[in-house]
Amino acid sequence: MNSIFSYFIPKDKKFFPLFEKASANLLKMSEKLVELVQSDENSDREKMHKEIERLEQYGDEITHQIYLELSKTFITPFDREDIHALASALDDIADYIHGSSNRMFLYNVSVMTEPVQKLAELVHEGCKEVNKAVSEIKNLKNIRVITDSCVRINSIENQADYVFDKAVGELFDYEEDAKTIIKYKEVLSALETATDMCEDVANVMESILVKNA
């Protein structure tokens, strides 16, 4: 009988801790990303890259667990579509942080330019705000904290757009080697897209607030 009742009771004690684990994991990933682009030692960069890879796999496990709980739960803390959308958006950030790191190594990018470092820092800032907002959705009492984080995430994404556009423009203006242009553009693009994914999380959070606040 207890198992039957547990099917109908919202799994607040399961979904929210999983979301918090996912956002905390993103914060760690972004910290390692900043360490990677600020390091001058190839051995340290490789160590950070492997750690990002490990954390991305851990994030995949968390996402899978959220989907599994969603499939087993009849009544959820908020809309099933929003739970799925939030889990997917958090996972997308992890994918692009890992993708950025991956491109640096696959394309043998040895010089971490100022725009690359700046975008990595913006990704980290975005992940800090995501983590802060996700930590507040379990009770929706501190709506101002969530909305403020969402506003800051949007501002971070706008800054990233500017840094990306300016950096690509300078590549075309001053870099003569086509391969180098392609390498850096791919890395910059992945970093900028990670901030876009942070904005996607903010959009989902705002949708949850509108429906449940």
C-alpha atoms as a PDB file:
ATOM      1  CA  MET A   1       0.000   0.000   0.000  1.00  0.00           C
ATOM      2  CA  ASN A   2       2.849   2.386   0.826  1.00  0.00           C
ATOM      3  CA  SER A   3       4.330   1.846  -2.614  1.00  0.00           C
ATOM      4  CA  ILE A   4       0.987   2.719  -4.215  1.00  0.00           C
ATOM      5  CA  PHE A   5       0.684   5.948  -2.227  1.00  0.00           C
ATOM      6  CA  SER A   6       4.276   6.891  -3.010  1.00  0.00           C
ATOM      7  CA  TYR A   7       3.383   6.834  -6.695  1.00  0.00           C
ATOM      8  CA  PHE A   8       0.870   9.640  -6.202  1.00  0.00           C
ATOM      9  CA  ILE A   9       2.847  11.806  -3.774  1.00  0.00           C
ATOM     10  CA  PRO A  10       5.003  14.499  -5.459  1.00  0.00           C
ATOM     11  CA  LYS A  11       8.635  13.480  -5.324  1.00  0.00           C
ATOM     12  CA  ASP A  12       9.894  16.821  -3.998  1.00  0.00           C
ATOM     13  CA  LYS A  13      12.627  14.976  -2.104  1.00  0.00           C
ATOM     14  CA  LYS A  14      13.886  13.440  -5.324  1.00  0.00           C
ATOM     15  CA  PHE A  15      13.594  16.018  -8.109  1.00  0.00           C
ATOM     16  CA  PHE A  16      14.941  19.063  -6.282  1.00  0.00           C
ATOM     17  CA  PRO A  17      18.080  17.389  -4.887  1.00  0.00           C
ATOM     18  CA  LEU A  18      18.805  16.059  -8.383  1.00  0.00           C
ATOM     19  CA  PHE A  19      18.439  19.521  -9.913  1.00  0.00           C
ATOM     20  CA  GLU A  20      20.741  20.917  -7.236  1.00  0.00           C
ATOM     21  CA  LYS A  21      23.308  18.203  -7.950  1.00  0.00           C
ATOM     22  CA  ALA A  22      23.140  18.997 -11.665  1.00  0.00           C
ATOM     23  CA  SER A  23      23.640  22.751 -11.171  1.00  0.00           C
ATOM     24  CA  ALA A  24      26.430  22.234  -8.612  1.00  0.00           C
ATOM     25  CA  ASN A  25      28.122  19.923 -11.104  1.00  0.00           C
ATOM     26  CA  LEU A  26      27.928  22.651 -13.756  1.00  0.00           C
ATOM     27  CA  LEU A  27      29.585  25.066 -11.359  1.00  0.00           C
ATOM     28  CA  LYS A  28      32.489  22.643 -10.902  1.00  0.00           C
ATOM     29  CA  MET A  29      32.760  22.131 -14.663  1.00  0.00           C
ATOM     30  CA  SER A  30      32.910  25.861 -15.309  1.00  0.00           C
ATOM     31  CA  GLU A  31      35.558  26.293 -12.610  1.00  0.00           C
ATOM     32  CA  LYS A  32      37.710  23.662 -14.297  1.00  0.00           C
ATOM     33  CA  LEU A  33      37.140  25.362 -17.649  1.00  0.00           C
ATOM     34  CA  VAL A  34      38.462  28.662 -16.296  1.00  0.00           C
ATOM     35  CA  GLU A  35      41.455  26.855 -14.780  1.00  0.00           C
ATOM     36  CA  LEU A  36      42.101  25.193 -18.136  1.00  0.00           C
ATOM     37  CA  VAL A  37      42.173  28.393 -20.193  1.00  0.00           C
ATOM     38  CA  GLN A  38      44.248  30.251 -17.600  1.00  0.00           C
ATOM     39  CA  SER A  39      46.922  27.554 -17.334  1.00  0.00           C
ATOM     40  CA  ASP A  40      50.159  27.730 -19.303  1.00  0.00           C
ATOM     41  CA  GLU A  41      51.098  24.104 -18.697  1.00  0.00           C
ATOM     42  CA  ASN A  42      49.880  21.459 -21.135  1.00  0.00           C
ATOM     43  CA  SER A  43      49.901  18.815 -18.395  1.00  0.00           C
ATOM     44  CA  ASP A  44      47.610  20.948 -16.224  1.00  0.00           C
ATOM     45  CA  ARG A  45      45.318  21.620 -19.183  1.00  0.00           C
ATOM     46  CA  GLU A  46      45.048  17.920 -19.913  1.00  0.00           C
ATOM     47  CA  LYS A  47      44.231  17.246 -16.261  1.00  0.00           C
ATOM     48  CA  MET A  48      41.461  19.873 -16.312  1.00  0.00           C
ATOM     49  CA  HIS A  49      40.126  18.494 -19.589  1.00  0.00           C
ATOM     50  CA  LYS A  50      39.864  14.973 -18.166  1.00  0.00           C
ATOM     51  CA  GLU A  51      38.131  16.321 -15.074  1.00  0.00           C
ATOM     52  CA  ILE A  52      35.607  18.205 -17.225  1.00  0.00           C
ATOM     53  CA  GLU A  53      35.012  14.996 -19.155  1.00  0.00           C
ATOM     54  CA  ARG A  54      34.399  13.079 -15.930  1.00  0.00           C
ATOM     55  CA  LEU A  55      32.018  15.716 -14.607  1.00  0.00           C
ATOM     56  CA  GLU A  56      30.106  15.767 -17.901  1.00  0.00           C
ATOM     57  CA  GLN A  57      29.550  12.020 -17.624  1.00  0.00           C
ATOM     58  CA  TYR A  58      28.385  12.473 -14.038  1.00  0.00           C
ATOM     59  CA  GLY A  59      25.965  15.143 -15.271  1.00  0.00           C
ATOM     60  CA  ASP A  60      24.586  12.685 -17.825  1.00  0.00           C
ATOM     61  CA  GLU A  61      23.895  10.233 -15.005  1.00  0.00           C
ATOM     62  CA  ILE A  62      21.998  12.897 -13.055  1.00  0.00           C
ATOM     63  CA  THR A  63      19.928  13.804 -16.121  1.00  0.00           C
ATOM     64  CA  HIS A  64      19.109  10.147 -16.708  1.00  0.00           C
ATOM     65  CA  GLN A  65      18.029   9.817 -13.069  1.00  0.00           C
ATOM     66  CA  ILE A  66      15.699  12.817 -13.409  1.00  0.00           C
ATOM     67  CA  TYR A  67      14.095  11.300 -16.522  1.00  0.00           C
ATOM     68  CA  LEU A  68      13.755   7.970 -14.707  1.00  0.00           C
ATOM     69  CA  GLU A  69      12.041   9.592 -11.735  1.00  0.00           C
ATOM     70  CA  LEU A  70       9.782  11.491 -14.114  1.00  0.00           C
ATOM     71  CA  SER A  71       8.681   8.249 -15.764  1.00  0.00           C
ATOM     72  CA  LYS A  72       7.876   6.701 -12.373  1.00  0.00           C
ATOM     73  CA  THR A  73       6.063   9.656 -10.815  1.00  0.00           C
ATOM     74  CA  PHE A  74       2.381  10.398 -11.383  1.00  0.00           C
ATOM     75  CA  ILE A  75       2.143  13.720  -9.518  1.00  0.00           C
ATOM     76  CA  THR A  76       5.140  16.029  -9.874  1.00  0.00           C
ATOM     77  CA  PRO A  77       6.137  19.229  -7.985  1.00  0.00           C
ATOM     78  CA  PHE A  78       5.522  21.249 -11.160  1.00  0.00           C
ATOM     79  CA  ASP A  79       4.652  20.553 -14.799  1.00  0.00           C
ATOM     80  CA  ARG A  80       6.270  17.455 -16.248  1.00  0.00           C
ATOM     81  CA  GLU A  81       7.214  19.418 -19.353  1.00  0.00           C
ATOM     82  CA  ASP A  82       9.053  21.989 -17.231  1.00  0.00           C
ATOM     83  CA  ILE A  83      10.909  19.292 -15.296  1.00  0.00           C
ATOM     84  CA  HIS A  84      12.009  17.724 -18.563  1.00  0.00           C
ATOM     85  CA  ALA A  85      12.910  21.106 -20.073  1.00  0.00           C
ATOM     86  CA  LEU A  86      14.961  22.152 -17.031  1.00  0.00           C
ATOM     87  CA  ALA A  87      16.844  18.844 -16.924  1.00  0.00           C
ATOM     88  CA  SER A  88      17.570  19.077 -20.661  1.00  0.00           C
ATOM     89  CA  ALA A  89      18.710  22.703 -20.449  1.00  0.00           C
ATOM     90  CA  LEU A  90      21.081  21.959 -17.573  1.00  0.00           C
ATOM     91  CA  ASP A  91      22.479  19.005 -19.502  1.00  0.00           C
ATOM     92  CA  ASP A  92      22.991  21.211 -22.573  1.00  0.00           C
ATOM     93  CA  ILE A  93      25.227  23.568 -20.577  1.00  0.00           C
ATOM     94  CA  ALA A  94      27.370  20.609 -19.529  1.00  0.00           C
ATOM     95  CA  ASP A  95      27.563  19.395 -23.124  1.00  0.00           C
ATOM     96  CA  TYR A  96      28.853  22.725 -24.415  1.00  0.00           C
ATOM     97  CA  ILE A  97      31.352  23.211 -21.592  1.00  0.00           C
ATOM     98  CA  HIS A  98      32.711  19.766 -22.398  1.00  0.00           C
ATOM     99  CA  GLY A  99      32.503  20.548 -26.117  1.00  0.00           C
ATOM    100  CA  SER A 100      34.569  23.704 -25.628  1.00  0.00           C
ATOM    101  CA  SER A 101      37.262  21.817 -23.765  1.00  0.00           C
ATOM    102  CA  ASN A 102      37.167  19.019 -26.320  1.00  0.00           C
ATOM    103  CA  ARG A 103      37.669  21.385 -29.259  1.00  0.00           C
ATOM    104  CA  MET A 104      40.667  22.996 -27.582  1.00  0.00           C
ATOM    105  CA  PHE A 105      42.381  19.614 -27.442  1.00  0.00           C
ATOM    106  CA  LEU A 106      41.178  18.137 -30.723  1.00  0.00           C
ATOM    107  CA  TYR A 107      42.218  21.269 -32.637  1.00  0.00           C
ATOM    108  CA  ASN A 108      45.504  21.687 -30.726  1.00  0.00           C
ATOM    109  CA  VAL A 109      44.672  25.186 -29.544  1.00  0.00           C
ATOM    110  CA  SER A 110      47.763  26.031 -27.501  1.00  0.00           C
ATOM    111  CA  VAL A 111      47.418  29.812 -27.099  1.00  0.00           C
ATOM    112  CA  MET A 112      44.450  30.788 -24.951  1.00  0.00           C
ATOM    113  CA  THR A 113      43.566  34.233 -26.259  1.00  0.00           C
ATOM    114  CA  GLU A 114      41.924  36.962 -24.208  1.00  0.00           C
ATOM    115  CA  PRO A 115      38.474  36.367 -25.817  1.00  0.00           C
ATOM    116  CA  VAL A 116      38.695  32.636 -25.038  1.00  0.00           C
ATOM    117  CA  GLN A 117      39.547  33.404 -21.418  1.00  0.00           C
ATOM    118  CA  LYS A 118      36.822  36.050 -21.175  1.00  0.00           C
ATOM    119  CA  LEU A 119      34.155  33.737 -22.570  1.00  0.00           C
ATOM    120  CA  ALA A 120      35.219  30.970 -20.163  1.00  0.00           C
ATOM    121  CA  GLU A 121      34.814  33.443 -17.293  1.00  0.00           C
ATOM    122  CA  LEU A 122      31.350  34.412 -18.564  1.00  0.00           C
ATOM    123  CA  VAL A 123      30.362  30.735 -18.742  1.00  0.00           C
ATOM    124  CA  HIS A 124      31.482  30.409 -15.126  1.00  0.00           C
ATOM    125  CA  GLU A 125      29.493  33.512 -14.125  1.00  0.00           C
ATOM    126  CA  GLY A 126      26.437  32.091 -15.878  1.00  0.00           C
ATOM    127  CA  CYS A 127      26.794  28.760 -14.074  1.00  0.00           C
ATOM    128  CA  LYS A 128      27.061  30.543 -10.719  1.00  0.00           C
ATOM    129  CA  GLU A 129      23.752  32.290 -11.369  1.00  0.00           C
ATOM    130  CA  VAL A 130      22.152  29.052 -12.610  1.00  0.00           C
ATOM    131  CA  ASN A 131      23.249  27.271  -9.447  1.00  0.00           C
ATOM    132  CA  LYS A 132      21.911  30.102  -7.295  1.00  0.00           C
ATOM    133  CA  ALA A 133      18.516  30.098  -9.030  1.00  0.00           C
ATOM    134  CA  VAL A 134      18.114  26.311  -9.081  1.00  0.00           C
ATOM    135  CA  SER A 135      18.808  26.184  -5.339  1.00  0.00           C
ATOM    136  CA  GLU A 136      15.709  28.329  -4.754  1.00  0.00           C
ATOM    137  CA  ILE A 137      13.082  26.461  -6.788  1.00  0.00           C
ATOM    138  CA  LYS A 138      12.352  23.861  -4.110  1.00  0.00           C
ATOM    139  CA  ASN A 139      10.025  26.215  -2.237  1.00  0.00           C
ATOM    140  CA  LEU A 140       9.653  29.266  -4.522  1.00  0.00           C
ATOM    141  CA  LYS A 141       9.759  31.558  -1.485  1.00  0.00           C
ATOM    142  CA  ASN A 142      12.697  33.622  -2.678  1.00  0.00           C
ATOM    143  CA  ILE A 143      11.301  34.551  -6.069  1.00  0.00           C
ATOM    144  CA  ARG A 144      13.385  37.736  -6.173  1.00  0.00           C
ATOM    145  CA  VAL A 145      16.596  35.704  -5.956  1.00  0.00           C
ATOM    146  CA  ILE A 146      15.521  33.591  -8.927  1.00  0.00           C
ATOM    147  CA  THR A 147      14.381  36.532 -11.047  1.00  0.00           C
ATOM    148  CA  ASP A 148      17.553  38.517 -10.271  1.00  0.00           C
ATOM    149  CA  SER A 149      19.689  35.548 -11.332  1.00  0.00           C
ATOM    150  CA  CYS A 150      17.683  35.192 -14.545  1.00  0.00           C
ATOM    151  CA  VAL A 151      18.258  38.886 -15.342  1.00  0.00           C
ATOM    152  CA  ARG A 152      21.989  38.514 -14.694  1.00  0.00           C
ATOM    153  CA  ILE A 153      22.129  35.407 -16.885  1.00  0.00           C
ATOM    154  CA  ASN A 154      20.546  37.363 -19.740  1.00  0.00           C
ATOM    155  CA  SER A 155      23.112  40.129 -19.250  1.00  0.00           C
ATOM    156  CA  ILE A 156      25.961  37.584 -19.241  1.00  0.00           C
ATOM    157  CA  GLU A 157      24.687  36.086 -22.486  1.00  0.00           C
ATOM    158  CA  ASN A 158      24.589  39.542 -24.092  1.00  0.00           C
ATOM    159  CA  GLN A 159      28.179  40.172 -22.996  1.00  0.00           C
ATOM    160  CA  ALA A 160      29.213  36.820 -24.451  1.00  0.00           C
ATOM    161  CA  ASP A 161      27.580  37.709 -27.775  1.00  0.00           C
ATOM    162  CA  TYR A 162      29.614  40.922 -27.910  1.00  0.00           C
ATOM    163  CA  VAL A 163      32.903  39.200 -27.006  1.00  0.00           C
ATOM    164  CA  PHE A 164      32.267  36.477 -29.593  1.00  0.00           C
ATOM    165  CA  ASP A 165      31.330  38.852 -32.428  1.00  0.00           C
ATOM    166  CA  LYS A 166      34.293  41.146 -31.709  1.00  0.00           C
ATOM    167  CA  ALA A 167      36.732  38.217 -31.478  1.00  0.00           C
ATOM    168  CA  VAL A 168      35.549  36.672 -34.758  1.00  0.00           C
ATOM    169  CA  GLY A 169      35.736  40.052 -36.465  1.00  0.00           C
ATOM    170  CA  GLU A 170      39.323  40.482 -35.307  1.00  0.00           C
ATOM    171  CA  LEU A 171      40.188  36.968 -36.504  1.00  0.00           C
ATOM    172  CA  PHE A 172      39.028  37.843 -39.998  1.00  0.00           C
ATOM    173  CA  ASP A 173      40.818  41.210 -39.880  1.00  0.00           C
ATOM    174  CA  TYR A 174      44.202  40.155 -38.521  1.00  0.00           C
ATOM    175  CA  GLU A 175      44.651  36.388 -38.926  1.00  0.00           C
ATOM    176  CA  GLU A 176      45.951  35.190 -42.294  1.00  0.00           C
ATOM    177  CA  ASP A 177      45.906  31.424 -41.685  1.00  0.00           C
ATOM    178  CA  ALA A 178      42.524  29.902 -42.535  1.00  0.00           C
ATOM    179  CA  LYS A 179      43.057  26.870 -40.286  1.00  0.00           C
ATOM    180  CA  THR A 180      43.747  29.088 -37.291  1.00  0.00           C
ATOM    181  CA  ILE A 181      40.600  31.112 -37.985  1.00  0.00           C
ATOM    182  CA  ILE A 182      38.502  27.941 -38.109  1.00  0.00           C
ATOM    183  CA  LYS A 183      40.061  26.530 -34.917  1.00  0.00           C
ATOM    184  CA  TYR A 184      39.454  29.607 -32.825  1.00  0.00           C
ATOM    185  CA  LYS A 185      36.029  30.300 -34.271  1.00  0.00           C
ATOM    186  CA  GLU A 186      34.914  26.772 -33.319  1.00  0.00           C
ATOM    187  CA  VAL A 187      36.216  27.130 -29.760  1.00  0.00           C
ATOM    188  CA  LEU A 188      34.715  30.602 -29.349  1.00  0.00           C
ATOM    189  CA  SER A 189      31.402  29.390 -30.763  1.00  0.00           C
ATOM    190  CA  ALA A 190      31.155  26.499 -28.290  1.00  0.00           C
ATOM    191  CA  LEU A 191      31.925  28.811 -25.367  1.00  0.00           C
ATOM    192  CA  GLU A 192      29.385  31.401 -26.490  1.00  0.00           C
ATOM    193  CA  THR A 193      26.745  28.696 -26.994  1.00  0.00           C
ATOM    194  CA  ALA A 194      27.293  27.540 -23.405  1.00  0.00           C
ATOM    195  CA  THR A 195      26.101  30.983 -22.280  1.00  0.00           C
ATOM    196  CA  ASP A 196      23.101  30.613 -24.606  1.00  0.00           C
ATOM    197  CA  MET A 197      22.278  27.381 -22.787  1.00  0.00           C
ATOM    198  CA  CYS A 198      22.458  29.229 -19.462  1.00  0.00           C
ATOM    199  CA  GLU A 199      19.877  31.620 -20.880  1.00  0.00           C
ATOM    200  CA  ASP A 200      17.701  28.637 -21.824  1.00  0.00           C
ATOM    201  CA  VAL A 201      17.773  27.546 -18.177  1.00  0.00           C
ATOM    202  CA  ALA A 202      16.743  31.063 -17.147  1.00  0.00           C
ATOM    203  CA  ASN A 203      13.821  30.941 -19.597  1.00  0.00           C
ATOM    204  CA  VAL A 204      12.620  27.625 -18.157  1.00  0.00           C
ATOM    205  CA  MET A 205      12.947  28.977 -14.618  1.00  0.00           C
ATOM    206  CA  GLU A 206      10.892  32.039 -15.524  1.00  0.00           C
ATOM    207  CA  SER A 207       8.221  29.769 -17.026  1.00  0.00           C
ATOM    208  CA  ILE A 208       8.102  27.770 -13.778  1.00  0.00           C
ATOM    209  CA  LEU A 209       7.731  30.989 -11.783  1.00  0.00           C
ATOM    210  CA  VAL A 210       4.843  32.224 -13.941  1.00  0.00           C
ATOM    211  CA  LYS A 211       2.984  28.934 -13.525  1.00  0.00           C
ATOM    212  CA  ASN A 212       3.646  28.315  -9.847  1.00  0.00           C
ATOM    213  CA  ALA A 213       4.471  31.567  -8.046  1.00  0.00           C
END
